[in-house]
Amino acid sequence: MATIKDVAKLAGVALSTASYALSGDSKVSAKTKEKVLEAARQLNYYKNGFAMDLKRSRTNTIALILTDLSGPYYSELIRSVQDVALSNGYDLVACSSMGGKGSTAVKYLREKRVDGAIVLAQNITDEILLNAASSSFPIIVMDRLTTGEGLISVVVDGELGGYKATRYLIDKGHRSIAFISGPANSYDNSVRYQGYLRAMHEAGLEEKAKWRLSGNFVREGGYKATKMMLMQGEIPSAVFYGNDEMAIGGIKAMEEGGYSVPGDISVIGFDDIQLAEYVQPPLTTIHQPMYDSGSLAGHLLFQLLNDEQVNDSYKLKVELTERQSVQTVVSEIKS
């Protein structure tokens, strides 16, 4: 990891001048300041908010960085990581990655304000993660398969989950199956969609472009995407939503449009959030082990902090949870 001494050497200035320039002190000329900042950029140096260039001691704190702190999925994850942190005598700081490169979350990573981090935030780029992670500052990433020094991936088998959800609908006689997706740049969305396509192609079915809409993994997005789908006229017999939040919003849109679930349209989700069994009808979905994945990420982080060896990546299994939002459609089953 680069130090301020490295920056000063590369810029050809005194250590004190480099320090003043990085602090924005007005006594340093604009030309010299730019020279120092350029050297810092080349070396990927960021001023440590707590300890500057002194050897960093343990803070006994880890960070959990999420795209959004709200929502039932994140609450379960926070609880699992918190349990592991407390059992190891550590504090947990949970923060949102909203704001991108200028966010507090990114500062935590770049300035090493904690001892390690768990990241589930698609807007934290691979570049930021790879530059921040090291053997002395481990990061567990939960929303992509990216590895490097001090960087470990923990993901669920989303492709298999997408396949199982779609295959279940096909086995129930459905042949016209829509897919309501999450963000286009989401790893989870991508692998779930790949599983959907695999099951469709395996059954000799084609995806219809007008039945693939984006709901951005939020309830309101699922509601709006479903409204749009219903307005197009031709209605699928089943809809696979990329997560439960969108499915719940979609069911509301169907009810408002005069369609019953599962009488007119069958619905399946993904995640198995706590609310899934309480909506009407109770939601058939793909269960992913949210608490277990957070717990695993936490335990791996502490193993790395204790200089123990771990694998580069881990993939957890998913299972179908059958409830009451899907019905068998005999008329669509090919003889």
C-alpha atoms as a PDB file:
ATOM      1  CA  MET A   1       0.000   0.000   0.000  1.00  0.00           C
ATOM      2  CA  ALA A   2       1.348   3.408  -0.982  1.00  0.00           C
ATOM      3  CA  THR A   3       2.252   5.922   1.739  1.00  0.00           C
ATOM      4  CA  ILE A   4       2.510   9.685   1.726  1.00  0.00           C
ATOM      5  CA  LYS A   5       6.292   9.271   1.499  1.00  0.00           C
ATOM      6  CA  ASP A   6       5.823   7.454  -1.816  1.00  0.00           C
ATOM      7  CA  VAL A   7       3.620  10.280  -3.059  1.00  0.00           C
ATOM      8  CA  ALA A   8       6.155  12.930  -2.056  1.00  0.00           C
ATOM      9  CA  LYS A   9       8.975  11.020  -3.760  1.00  0.00           C
ATOM     10  CA  LEU A  10       7.071  10.562  -7.010  1.00  0.00           C
ATOM     11  CA  ALA A  11       5.987  14.208  -7.044  1.00  0.00           C
ATOM     12  CA  GLY A  12       9.519  15.394  -6.249  1.00  0.00           C
ATOM     13  CA  VAL A  13       8.469  17.447  -3.218  1.00  0.00           C
ATOM     14  CA  ALA A  14       9.155  17.446   0.502  1.00  0.00           C
ATOM     15  CA  LEU A  15       7.045  15.233   2.747  1.00  0.00           C
ATOM     16  CA  SER A  16       5.545  18.285   4.464  1.00  0.00           C
ATOM     17  CA  THR A  17       4.634  19.820   1.092  1.00  0.00           C
ATOM     18  CA  ALA A  18       2.859  16.616   0.051  1.00  0.00           C
ATOM     19  CA  SER A  19       0.954  16.599   3.329  1.00  0.00           C
ATOM     20  CA  TYR A  20      -0.123  20.234   2.888  1.00  0.00           C
ATOM     21  CA  ALA A  21      -1.170  19.618  -0.711  1.00  0.00           C
ATOM     22  CA  LEU A  22      -3.285  16.584   0.153  1.00  0.00           C
ATOM     23  CA  SER A  23      -4.937  18.559   2.955  1.00  0.00           C
ATOM     24  CA  GLY A  24      -5.818  21.408   0.587  1.00  0.00           C
ATOM     25  CA  ASP A  25      -3.658  23.940   2.384  1.00  0.00           C
ATOM     26  CA  SER A  26      -3.602  27.295   0.570  1.00  0.00           C
ATOM     27  CA  LYS A  27       0.144  27.765   1.187  1.00  0.00           C
ATOM     28  CA  VAL A  28       0.833  25.215  -1.590  1.00  0.00           C
ATOM     29  CA  SER A  29       0.699  26.543  -5.149  1.00  0.00           C
ATOM     30  CA  ALA A  30      -1.914  25.186  -7.564  1.00  0.00           C
ATOM     31  CA  LYS A  31       0.816  23.738  -9.786  1.00  0.00           C
ATOM     32  CA  THR A  32       2.492  21.859  -6.925  1.00  0.00           C
ATOM     33  CA  LYS A  33      -0.851  20.699  -5.563  1.00  0.00           C
ATOM     34  CA  GLU A  34      -1.804  19.236  -8.948  1.00  0.00           C
ATOM     35  CA  LYS A  35       1.568  17.484  -9.189  1.00  0.00           C
ATOM     36  CA  VAL A  36       1.047  15.888  -5.763  1.00  0.00           C
ATOM     37  CA  LEU A  37      -2.542  14.903  -6.516  1.00  0.00           C
ATOM     38  CA  GLU A  38      -1.478  13.305  -9.794  1.00  0.00           C
ATOM     39  CA  ALA A  39       1.186  11.298  -7.967  1.00  0.00           C
ATOM     40  CA  ALA A  40      -1.426  10.193  -5.430  1.00  0.00           C
ATOM     41  CA  ARG A  41      -3.742   9.089  -8.231  1.00  0.00           C
ATOM     42  CA  GLN A  42      -0.999   7.082  -9.905  1.00  0.00           C
ATOM     43  CA  LEU A  43      -0.210   5.309  -6.648  1.00  0.00           C
ATOM     44  CA  ASN A  44      -3.883   4.825  -5.659  1.00  0.00           C
ATOM     45  CA  TYR A  45      -3.088   6.661  -2.438  1.00  0.00           C
ATOM     46  CA  TYR A  46      -5.914   7.942  -0.246  1.00  0.00           C
ATOM     47  CA  LYS A  47      -5.379   9.844   2.968  1.00  0.00           C
ATOM     48  CA  ASN A  48      -6.420   7.746   5.940  1.00  0.00           C
ATOM     49  CA  GLY A  49      -9.130   9.605   7.837  1.00  0.00           C
ATOM     50  CA  PHE A  50      -8.058   8.254  11.218  1.00  0.00           C
ATOM     51  CA  ALA A  51      -4.388   7.446  11.238  1.00  0.00           C
ATOM     52  CA  MET A  52      -2.828   9.186   8.215  1.00  0.00           C
ATOM     53  CA  ASP A  53       0.343   7.225   7.492  1.00  0.00           C
ATOM     54  CA  LEU A  54       0.896   5.862  10.965  1.00  0.00           C
ATOM     55  CA  LYS A  55       0.610   2.124  11.201  1.00  0.00           C
ATOM     56  CA  ARG A  56      -3.066   1.354  11.521  1.00  0.00           C
ATOM     57  CA  SER A  57      -4.179  -0.463  14.662  1.00  0.00           C
ATOM     58  CA  ARG A  58      -7.313  -2.566  14.949  1.00  0.00           C
ATOM     59  CA  THR A  59     -10.567  -0.649  15.303  1.00  0.00           C
ATOM     60  CA  ASN A  60     -12.541  -3.727  16.401  1.00  0.00           C
ATOM     61  CA  THR A  61     -15.175  -2.657  13.901  1.00  0.00           C
ATOM     62  CA  ILE A  62     -16.282  -4.103  10.575  1.00  0.00           C
ATOM     63  CA  ALA A  63     -18.450  -2.493   7.908  1.00  0.00           C
ATOM     64  CA  LEU A  64     -21.472  -3.861   6.074  1.00  0.00           C
ATOM     65  CA  ILE A  65     -22.005  -1.854   2.892  1.00  0.00           C
ATOM     66  CA  LEU A  66     -25.385  -2.188   1.185  1.00  0.00           C
ATOM     67  CA  THR A  67     -27.060  -0.475  -1.740  1.00  0.00           C
ATOM     68  CA  ASP A  68     -30.000   0.359   0.507  1.00  0.00           C
ATOM     69  CA  LEU A  69     -30.459  -0.152   4.231  1.00  0.00           C
ATOM     70  CA  SER A  70     -34.228  -0.590   3.924  1.00  0.00           C
ATOM     71  CA  GLY A  71     -36.185  -3.637   2.810  1.00  0.00           C
ATOM     72  CA  PRO A  72     -36.798  -7.101   4.272  1.00  0.00           C
ATOM     73  CA  TYR A  73     -33.846  -8.752   2.531  1.00  0.00           C
ATOM     74  CA  TYR A  74     -31.321  -6.331   4.000  1.00  0.00           C
ATOM     75  CA  SER A  75     -32.742  -6.478   7.525  1.00  0.00           C
ATOM     76  CA  GLU A  76     -32.154 -10.241   7.659  1.00  0.00           C
ATOM     77  CA  LEU A  77     -28.628  -9.806   6.323  1.00  0.00           C
ATOM     78  CA  ILE A  78     -27.777  -7.075   8.806  1.00  0.00           C
ATOM     79  CA  ARG A  79     -29.012  -9.243  11.678  1.00  0.00           C
ATOM     80  CA  SER A  80     -26.869 -12.207  10.623  1.00  0.00           C
ATOM     81  CA  VAL A  81     -23.658 -10.182  10.239  1.00  0.00           C
ATOM     82  CA  GLN A  82     -24.343  -8.351  13.495  1.00  0.00           C
ATOM     83  CA  ASP A  83     -24.672 -11.654  15.348  1.00  0.00           C
ATOM     84  CA  VAL A  84     -21.264 -12.789  14.058  1.00  0.00           C
ATOM     85  CA  ALA A  85     -19.636  -9.435  14.831  1.00  0.00           C
ATOM     86  CA  LEU A  86     -20.934  -9.405  18.412  1.00  0.00           C
ATOM     87  CA  SER A  87     -19.827 -12.996  18.996  1.00  0.00           C
ATOM     88  CA  ASN A  88     -16.303 -11.897  18.033  1.00  0.00           C
ATOM     89  CA  GLY A  89     -16.363  -8.811  20.261  1.00  0.00           C
ATOM     90  CA  TYR A  90     -16.614  -6.437  17.294  1.00  0.00           C
ATOM     91  CA  ASP A  91     -18.897  -3.544  16.460  1.00  0.00           C
ATOM     92  CA  LEU A  92     -20.744  -3.366  13.134  1.00  0.00           C
ATOM     93  CA  VAL A  93     -21.211  -0.257  11.028  1.00  0.00           C
ATOM     94  CA  ALA A  94     -23.859  -0.594   8.310  1.00  0.00           C
ATOM     95  CA  CYS A  95     -23.897   2.063   5.641  1.00  0.00           C
ATOM     96  CA  SER A  96     -25.461   2.724   2.256  1.00  0.00           C
ATOM     97  CA  SER A  97     -23.437   2.984  -0.947  1.00  0.00           C
ATOM     98  CA  MET A  98     -25.726   5.706  -2.290  1.00  0.00           C
ATOM     99  CA  GLY A  99     -23.566   8.462  -3.729  1.00  0.00           C
ATOM    100  CA  GLY A 100     -21.180   6.188  -5.613  1.00  0.00           C
ATOM    101  CA  LYS A 101     -17.491   7.093  -5.507  1.00  0.00           C
ATOM    102  CA  GLY A 102     -18.125  10.022  -3.167  1.00  0.00           C
ATOM    103  CA  SER A 103     -20.127   8.025  -0.634  1.00  0.00           C
ATOM    104  CA  THR A 104     -19.188   7.406   2.968  1.00  0.00           C
ATOM    105  CA  ALA A 105     -19.081   3.707   2.110  1.00  0.00           C
ATOM    106  CA  VAL A 106     -16.289   4.220  -0.408  1.00  0.00           C
ATOM    107  CA  LYS A 107     -14.382   6.359   2.106  1.00  0.00           C
ATOM    108  CA  TYR A 108     -14.586   3.518   4.606  1.00  0.00           C
ATOM    109  CA  LEU A 109     -12.982   1.232   2.040  1.00  0.00           C
ATOM    110  CA  ARG A 110     -10.334   3.607   0.703  1.00  0.00           C
ATOM    111  CA  GLU A 111      -9.297   5.036   4.054  1.00  0.00           C
ATOM    112  CA  LYS A 112      -9.471   1.703   5.898  1.00  0.00           C
ATOM    113  CA  ARG A 113     -11.642   3.159   8.648  1.00  0.00           C
ATOM    114  CA  VAL A 114     -12.629  -0.332   9.767  1.00  0.00           C
ATOM    115  CA  ASP A 115     -10.781  -3.648   9.968  1.00  0.00           C
ATOM    116  CA  GLY A 116     -12.630  -5.264   7.073  1.00  0.00           C
ATOM    117  CA  ALA A 117     -15.870  -5.063   5.137  1.00  0.00           C
ATOM    118  CA  ILE A 118     -18.752  -7.059   3.681  1.00  0.00           C
ATOM    119  CA  VAL A 119     -20.159  -5.547   0.492  1.00  0.00           C
ATOM    120  CA  LEU A 120     -23.507  -6.102  -1.214  1.00  0.00           C
ATOM    121  CA  ALA A 121     -23.739  -3.013  -3.397  1.00  0.00           C
ATOM    122  CA  GLN A 122     -23.636  -3.173  -7.174  1.00  0.00           C
ATOM    123  CA  ASN A 123     -22.570   0.489  -7.477  1.00  0.00           C
ATOM    124  CA  ILE A 124     -19.300  -0.256  -5.654  1.00  0.00           C
ATOM    125  CA  THR A 125     -17.170  -1.125  -8.668  1.00  0.00           C
ATOM    126  CA  ASP A 126     -14.713  -3.996  -8.984  1.00  0.00           C
ATOM    127  CA  GLU A 127     -11.951  -1.403  -9.354  1.00  0.00           C
ATOM    128  CA  ILE A 128     -12.742   0.126  -5.961  1.00  0.00           C
ATOM    129  CA  LEU A 129     -12.892  -3.307  -4.324  1.00  0.00           C
ATOM    130  CA  LEU A 130      -9.662  -4.573  -5.874  1.00  0.00           C
ATOM    131  CA  ASN A 131      -7.789  -1.380  -4.938  1.00  0.00           C
ATOM    132  CA  ALA A 132      -9.074  -1.443  -1.356  1.00  0.00           C
ATOM    133  CA  ALA A 133      -8.776  -5.141  -0.512  1.00  0.00           C
ATOM    134  CA  SER A 134      -5.552  -6.651   0.769  1.00  0.00           C
ATOM    135  CA  SER A 135      -4.366  -9.336   3.143  1.00  0.00           C
ATOM    136  CA  SER A 136      -4.497  -6.760   5.939  1.00  0.00           C
ATOM    137  CA  PHE A 137      -7.876  -5.351   4.871  1.00  0.00           C
ATOM    138  CA  PRO A 138     -10.147  -8.233   3.781  1.00  0.00           C
ATOM    139  CA  ILE A 139     -13.408  -7.681   1.917  1.00  0.00           C
ATOM    140  CA  ILE A 140     -16.211 -10.209   1.405  1.00  0.00           C
ATOM    141  CA  VAL A 141     -18.345  -9.387  -1.627  1.00  0.00           C
ATOM    142  CA  MET A 142     -21.825 -10.886  -1.871  1.00  0.00           C
ATOM    143  CA  ASP A 143     -23.250  -9.708  -5.198  1.00  0.00           C
ATOM    144  CA  ARG A 144     -20.714 -10.892  -7.781  1.00  0.00           C
ATOM    145  CA  LEU A 145     -17.951 -13.394  -8.463  1.00  0.00           C
ATOM    146  CA  THR A 146     -14.855 -11.238  -8.074  1.00  0.00           C
ATOM    147  CA  THR A 147     -11.699 -12.376  -6.333  1.00  0.00           C
ATOM    148  CA  GLY A 148      -8.257 -10.966  -5.635  1.00  0.00           C
ATOM    149  CA  GLU A 149      -5.853 -10.472  -2.741  1.00  0.00           C
ATOM    150  CA  GLY A 150      -8.010 -10.192   0.364  1.00  0.00           C
ATOM    151  CA  LEU A 151     -11.208 -10.310  -1.733  1.00  0.00           C
ATOM    152  CA  ILE A 152     -13.579 -13.284  -1.320  1.00  0.00           C
ATOM    153  CA  SER A 153     -16.977 -13.903  -2.969  1.00  0.00           C
ATOM    154  CA  VAL A 154     -20.042 -15.388  -1.279  1.00  0.00           C
ATOM    155  CA  VAL A 155     -23.019 -15.819  -3.620  1.00  0.00           C
ATOM    156  CA  VAL A 156     -26.125 -17.967  -3.899  1.00  0.00           C
ATOM    157  CA  ASP A 157     -26.697 -20.151  -6.951  1.00  0.00           C
ATOM    158  CA  GLY A 158     -29.000 -17.703  -8.705  1.00  0.00           C
ATOM    159  CA  GLU A 159     -28.792 -19.460 -12.055  1.00  0.00           C
ATOM    160  CA  LEU A 160     -30.059 -22.686 -10.519  1.00  0.00           C
ATOM    161  CA  GLY A 161     -32.754 -20.731  -8.701  1.00  0.00           C
ATOM    162  CA  GLY A 162     -33.933 -19.110 -11.921  1.00  0.00           C
ATOM    163  CA  TYR A 163     -33.980 -22.509 -13.585  1.00  0.00           C
ATOM    164  CA  LYS A 164     -35.910 -24.131 -10.724  1.00  0.00           C
ATOM    165  CA  ALA A 165     -38.531 -21.366 -10.685  1.00  0.00           C
ATOM    166  CA  THR A 166     -39.132 -21.562 -14.433  1.00  0.00           C
ATOM    167  CA  ARG A 167     -38.993 -25.351 -14.552  1.00  0.00           C
ATOM    168  CA  TYR A 168     -41.605 -25.486 -11.788  1.00  0.00           C
ATOM    169  CA  LEU A 169     -43.956 -23.284 -13.838  1.00  0.00           C
ATOM    170  CA  ILE A 170     -43.380 -25.445 -16.930  1.00  0.00           C
ATOM    171  CA  ASP A 171     -44.063 -28.622 -14.958  1.00  0.00           C
ATOM    172  CA  LYS A 172     -47.325 -27.017 -13.812  1.00  0.00           C
ATOM    173  CA  GLY A 173     -48.361 -26.737 -17.468  1.00  0.00           C
ATOM    174  CA  HIS A 174     -47.414 -23.124 -18.157  1.00  0.00           C
ATOM    175  CA  ARG A 175     -46.025 -22.336 -21.600  1.00  0.00           C
ATOM    176  CA  SER A 176     -46.410 -18.543 -21.740  1.00  0.00           C
ATOM    177  CA  ILE A 177     -44.076 -17.298 -18.991  1.00  0.00           C
ATOM    178  CA  ALA A 178     -43.020 -13.692 -18.467  1.00  0.00           C
ATOM    179  CA  PHE A 179     -39.894 -12.559 -16.638  1.00  0.00           C
ATOM    180  CA  ILE A 180     -39.845  -9.310 -14.627  1.00  0.00           C
ATOM    181  CA  SER A 181     -36.205  -8.454 -14.049  1.00  0.00           C
ATOM    182  CA  GLY A 182     -34.092  -6.394 -11.697  1.00  0.00           C
ATOM    183  CA  PRO A 183     -31.417  -3.841 -12.696  1.00  0.00           C
ATOM    184  CA  ALA A 184     -29.590  -4.682 -15.933  1.00  0.00           C
ATOM    185  CA  ASN A 185     -26.181  -4.289 -14.260  1.00  0.00           C
ATOM    186  CA  SER A 186     -27.021  -6.632 -11.371  1.00  0.00           C
ATOM    187  CA  TYR A 187     -25.156  -9.944 -11.121  1.00  0.00           C
ATOM    188  CA  ASP A 188     -28.100 -11.503  -9.283  1.00  0.00           C
ATOM    189  CA  ASN A 189     -30.505 -10.407 -11.991  1.00  0.00           C
ATOM    190  CA  SER A 190     -28.235 -11.707 -14.737  1.00  0.00           C
ATOM    191  CA  VAL A 191     -27.801 -15.207 -13.334  1.00  0.00           C
ATOM    192  CA  ARG A 192     -31.514 -15.585 -12.470  1.00  0.00           C
ATOM    193  CA  TYR A 193     -32.395 -14.591 -16.031  1.00  0.00           C
ATOM    194  CA  GLN A 194     -29.879 -17.116 -17.396  1.00  0.00           C
ATOM    195  CA  GLY A 195     -31.617 -19.838 -15.377  1.00  0.00           C
ATOM    196  CA  TYR A 196     -34.995 -18.738 -16.763  1.00  0.00           C
ATOM    197  CA  LEU A 197     -33.676 -18.927 -20.318  1.00  0.00           C
ATOM    198  CA  ARG A 198     -32.105 -22.347 -19.743  1.00  0.00           C
ATOM    199  CA  ALA A 199     -35.404 -23.816 -18.576  1.00  0.00           C
ATOM    200  CA  MET A 200     -37.335 -22.159 -21.424  1.00  0.00           C
ATOM    201  CA  HIS A 201     -34.941 -23.394 -24.099  1.00  0.00           C
ATOM    202  CA  GLU A 202     -34.810 -26.874 -22.566  1.00  0.00           C
ATOM    203  CA  ALA A 203     -38.613 -27.052 -22.880  1.00  0.00           C
ATOM    204  CA  GLY A 204     -38.572 -25.717 -26.439  1.00  0.00           C
ATOM    205  CA  LEU A 205     -40.199 -22.432 -25.411  1.00  0.00           C
ATOM    206  CA  GLU A 206     -39.308 -18.957 -26.652  1.00  0.00           C
ATOM    207  CA  GLU A 207     -39.122 -15.816 -24.576  1.00  0.00           C
ATOM    208  CA  LYS A 208     -41.322 -12.958 -25.752  1.00  0.00           C
ATOM    209  CA  ALA A 209     -39.596  -9.575 -25.634  1.00  0.00           C
ATOM    210  CA  LYS A 210     -42.771  -7.777 -24.532  1.00  0.00           C
ATOM    211  CA  TRP A 211     -42.972 -10.061 -21.507  1.00  0.00           C
ATOM    212  CA  ARG A 212     -39.546  -9.113 -20.238  1.00  0.00           C
ATOM    213  CA  LEU A 213     -39.758  -5.865 -18.300  1.00  0.00           C
ATOM    214  CA  SER A 214     -37.613  -4.331 -15.571  1.00  0.00           C
ATOM    215  CA  GLY A 215     -38.859  -3.713 -12.049  1.00  0.00           C
ATOM    216  CA  ASN A 216     -35.500  -2.745 -10.547  1.00  0.00           C
ATOM    217  CA  PHE A 217     -35.885  -5.224  -7.648  1.00  0.00           C
ATOM    218  CA  VAL A 218     -38.335  -2.925  -5.796  1.00  0.00           C
ATOM    219  CA  ARG A 219     -42.051  -3.322  -5.053  1.00  0.00           C
ATOM    220  CA  GLU A 220     -43.086  -0.190  -6.913  1.00  0.00           C
ATOM    221  CA  GLY A 221     -41.026  -1.317  -9.910  1.00  0.00           C
ATOM    222  CA  GLY A 222     -42.785  -4.689  -9.975  1.00  0.00           C
ATOM    223  CA  TYR A 223     -46.142  -2.927  -9.761  1.00  0.00           C
ATOM    224  CA  LYS A 224     -45.389  -0.581 -12.673  1.00  0.00           C
ATOM    225  CA  ALA A 225     -43.821  -3.299 -14.854  1.00  0.00           C
ATOM    226  CA  THR A 226     -46.892  -5.491 -14.347  1.00  0.00           C
ATOM    227  CA  LYS A 227     -49.232  -2.620 -15.201  1.00  0.00           C
ATOM    228  CA  MET A 228     -47.279  -2.136 -18.419  1.00  0.00           C
ATOM    229  CA  MET A 229     -47.451  -5.852 -19.220  1.00  0.00           C
ATOM    230  CA  LEU A 230     -51.212  -5.976 -18.659  1.00  0.00           C
ATOM    231  CA  MET A 231     -51.798  -2.953 -20.891  1.00  0.00           C
ATOM    232  CA  GLN A 232     -50.176  -4.745 -23.836  1.00  0.00           C
ATOM    233  CA  GLY A 233     -53.159  -7.051 -24.179  1.00  0.00           C
ATOM    234  CA  GLU A 234     -51.709 -10.542 -24.526  1.00  0.00           C
ATOM    235  CA  ILE A 235     -51.407 -11.908 -21.011  1.00  0.00           C
ATOM    236  CA  PRO A 236     -48.997 -14.719 -19.987  1.00  0.00           C
ATOM    237  CA  SER A 237     -50.303 -17.584 -17.883  1.00  0.00           C
ATOM    238  CA  ALA A 238     -47.432 -17.150 -15.390  1.00  0.00           C
ATOM    239  CA  VAL A 239     -44.876 -14.556 -14.326  1.00  0.00           C
ATOM    240  CA  PHE A 240     -41.471 -15.197 -12.778  1.00  0.00           C
ATOM    241  CA  TYR A 241     -40.406 -12.136 -10.797  1.00  0.00           C
ATOM    242  CA  GLY A 242     -36.676 -11.725 -10.141  1.00  0.00           C
ATOM    243  CA  ASN A 243     -37.385 -11.108  -6.452  1.00  0.00           C
ATOM    244  CA  ASP A 244     -40.271 -11.252  -3.988  1.00  0.00           C
ATOM    245  CA  GLU A 245     -40.555  -7.485  -3.588  1.00  0.00           C
ATOM    246  CA  MET A 246     -41.412  -7.111  -7.282  1.00  0.00           C
ATOM    247  CA  ALA A 247     -43.775 -10.100  -7.100  1.00  0.00           C
ATOM    248  CA  ILE A 248     -45.738  -8.497  -4.267  1.00  0.00           C
ATOM    249  CA  GLY A 249     -46.052  -5.273  -6.258  1.00  0.00           C
ATOM    250  CA  GLY A 250     -47.044  -7.301  -9.316  1.00  0.00           C
ATOM    251  CA  ILE A 251     -49.837  -9.139  -7.471  1.00  0.00           C
ATOM    252  CA  LYS A 252     -51.285  -5.785  -6.411  1.00  0.00           C
ATOM    253  CA  ALA A 253     -51.265  -4.586 -10.034  1.00  0.00           C
ATOM    254  CA  MET A 254     -52.966  -7.791 -11.191  1.00  0.00           C
ATOM    255  CA  GLU A 255     -55.701  -7.461  -8.578  1.00  0.00           C
ATOM    256  CA  GLU A 256     -56.315  -3.844  -9.554  1.00  0.00           C
ATOM    257  CA  GLY A 257     -56.553  -4.935 -13.187  1.00  0.00           C
ATOM    258  CA  GLY A 258     -59.210  -7.507 -12.389  1.00  0.00           C
ATOM    259  CA  TYR A 259     -56.941 -10.576 -12.601  1.00  0.00           C
ATOM    260  CA  SER A 260     -56.876 -13.182  -9.853  1.00  0.00           C
ATOM    261  CA  VAL A 261     -53.731 -14.940  -8.648  1.00  0.00           C
ATOM    262  CA  PRO A 262     -53.355 -17.798  -9.345  1.00  0.00           C
ATOM    263  CA  GLY A 263     -56.735 -18.199 -11.079  1.00  0.00           C
ATOM    264  CA  ASP A 264     -55.851 -16.019 -14.075  1.00  0.00           C
ATOM    265  CA  ILE A 265     -52.096 -15.594 -13.705  1.00  0.00           C
ATOM    266  CA  SER A 266     -49.665 -17.665 -11.648  1.00  0.00           C
ATOM    267  CA  VAL A 267     -46.809 -15.891  -9.857  1.00  0.00           C
ATOM    268  CA  ILE A 268     -43.457 -17.070  -8.517  1.00  0.00           C
ATOM    269  CA  GLY A 269     -40.791 -14.965  -6.822  1.00  0.00           C
ATOM    270  CA  PHE A 270     -37.217 -15.241  -5.559  1.00  0.00           C
ATOM    271  CA  ASP A 271     -35.688 -14.688  -2.071  1.00  0.00           C
ATOM    272  CA  ASP A 272     -38.415 -16.005   0.264  1.00  0.00           C
ATOM    273  CA  ILE A 273     -38.550 -12.870   2.381  1.00  0.00           C
ATOM    274  CA  GLN A 274     -40.599 -13.081   5.601  1.00  0.00           C
ATOM    275  CA  LEU A 275     -43.542 -11.253   4.021  1.00  0.00           C
ATOM    276  CA  ALA A 276     -43.846 -13.877   1.250  1.00  0.00           C
ATOM    277  CA  GLU A 277     -45.898 -16.291   3.366  1.00  0.00           C
ATOM    278  CA  TYR A 278     -48.253 -13.548   4.600  1.00  0.00           C
ATOM    279  CA  VAL A 279     -49.346 -11.949   1.319  1.00  0.00           C
ATOM    280  CA  GLN A 280     -52.512 -13.172  -0.386  1.00  0.00           C
ATOM    281  CA  PRO A 281     -52.135 -15.628  -1.885  1.00  0.00           C
ATOM    282  CA  PRO A 282     -49.025 -16.841  -0.023  1.00  0.00           C
ATOM    283  CA  LEU A 283     -46.153 -16.570  -2.491  1.00  0.00           C
ATOM    284  CA  THR A 284     -44.444 -19.554  -4.083  1.00  0.00           C
ATOM    285  CA  THR A 285     -40.804 -18.556  -4.350  1.00  0.00           C
ATOM    286  CA  ILE A 286     -37.170 -19.605  -4.434  1.00  0.00           C
ATOM    287  CA  HIS A 287     -35.719 -19.660  -0.944  1.00  0.00           C
ATOM    288  CA  GLN A 288     -32.211 -18.335  -0.622  1.00  0.00           C
ATOM    289  CA  PRO A 289     -30.485 -18.648   2.757  1.00  0.00           C
ATOM    290  CA  MET A 290     -30.222 -14.953   3.587  1.00  0.00           C
ATOM    291  CA  TYR A 291     -29.255 -15.376   7.216  1.00  0.00           C
ATOM    292  CA  ASP A 292     -26.831 -18.201   6.439  1.00  0.00           C
ATOM    293  CA  SER A 293     -25.118 -16.292   3.618  1.00  0.00           C
ATOM    294  CA  GLY A 294     -24.618 -13.250   5.850  1.00  0.00           C
ATOM    295  CA  SER A 295     -23.386 -15.451   8.667  1.00  0.00           C
ATOM    296  CA  LEU A 296     -20.941 -17.219   6.336  1.00  0.00           C
ATOM    297  CA  ALA A 297     -19.641 -13.885   5.042  1.00  0.00           C
ATOM    298  CA  GLY A 298     -19.103 -12.705   8.601  1.00  0.00           C
ATOM    299  CA  HIS A 299     -17.275 -15.851   9.693  1.00  0.00           C
ATOM    300  CA  LEU A 300     -15.039 -15.736   6.601  1.00  0.00           C
ATOM    301  CA  LEU A 301     -14.147 -12.121   7.310  1.00  0.00           C
ATOM    302  CA  PHE A 302     -13.022 -12.981  10.828  1.00  0.00           C
ATOM    303  CA  GLN A 303     -11.063 -15.973   9.599  1.00  0.00           C
ATOM    304  CA  LEU A 304      -9.169 -13.655   7.258  1.00  0.00           C
ATOM    305  CA  LEU A 305      -8.612 -11.139  10.055  1.00  0.00           C
ATOM    306  CA  ASN A 306      -7.050 -14.009  12.030  1.00  0.00           C
ATOM    307  CA  ASP A 307      -4.793 -14.898   9.072  1.00  0.00           C
ATOM    308  CA  GLU A 308      -6.597 -18.186   8.393  1.00  0.00           C
ATOM    309  CA  GLN A 309      -6.806 -19.693   4.918  1.00  0.00           C
ATOM    310  CA  VAL A 310     -10.170 -19.674   3.115  1.00  0.00           C
ATOM    311  CA  ASN A 311     -11.367 -20.444  -0.414  1.00  0.00           C
ATOM    312  CA  ASP A 312     -11.640 -17.710  -3.054  1.00  0.00           C
ATOM    313  CA  SER A 313     -15.393 -18.111  -3.501  1.00  0.00           C
ATOM    314  CA  TYR A 314     -18.429 -19.830  -2.025  1.00  0.00           C
ATOM    315  CA  LYS A 315     -21.782 -20.639  -3.644  1.00  0.00           C
ATOM    316  CA  LEU A 316     -24.843 -21.476  -1.525  1.00  0.00           C
ATOM    317  CA  LYS A 317     -27.738 -23.643  -2.690  1.00  0.00           C
ATOM    318  CA  VAL A 318     -31.326 -22.479  -3.165  1.00  0.00           C
ATOM    319  CA  GLU A 319     -34.595 -24.389  -2.775  1.00  0.00           C
ATOM    320  CA  LEU A 320     -38.149 -24.016  -4.025  1.00  0.00           C
ATOM    321  CA  THR A 321     -40.740 -23.008  -1.416  1.00  0.00           C
ATOM    322  CA  GLU A 322     -44.179 -24.032  -2.664  1.00  0.00           C
ATOM    323  CA  ARG A 323     -47.179 -22.037  -1.434  1.00  0.00           C
ATOM    324  CA  GLN A 324     -50.391 -20.972  -3.198  1.00  0.00           C
ATOM    325  CA  SER A 325     -49.589 -18.480  -5.976  1.00  0.00           C
ATOM    326  CA  VAL A 326     -49.136 -21.045  -8.783  1.00  0.00           C
ATOM    327  CA  GLN A 327     -51.801 -23.337 -10.214  1.00  0.00           C
ATOM    328  CA  THR A 328     -51.667 -26.182 -12.696  1.00  0.00           C
ATOM    329  CA  VAL A 329     -52.817 -25.226 -16.194  1.00  0.00           C
ATOM    330  CA  VAL A 330     -53.988 -28.386 -17.954  1.00  0.00           C
ATOM    331  CA  SER A 331     -55.057 -26.611 -21.154  1.00  0.00           C
ATOM    332  CA  GLU A 332     -51.494 -25.446 -21.870  1.00  0.00           C
ATOM    333  CA  ILE A 333     -49.846 -28.818 -21.357  1.00  0.00           C
ATOM    334  CA  LYS A 334     -48.761 -30.284 -24.678  1.00  0.00           C
ATOM    335  CA  SER A 335     -49.921 -33.807 -25.335  1.00  0.00           C
END
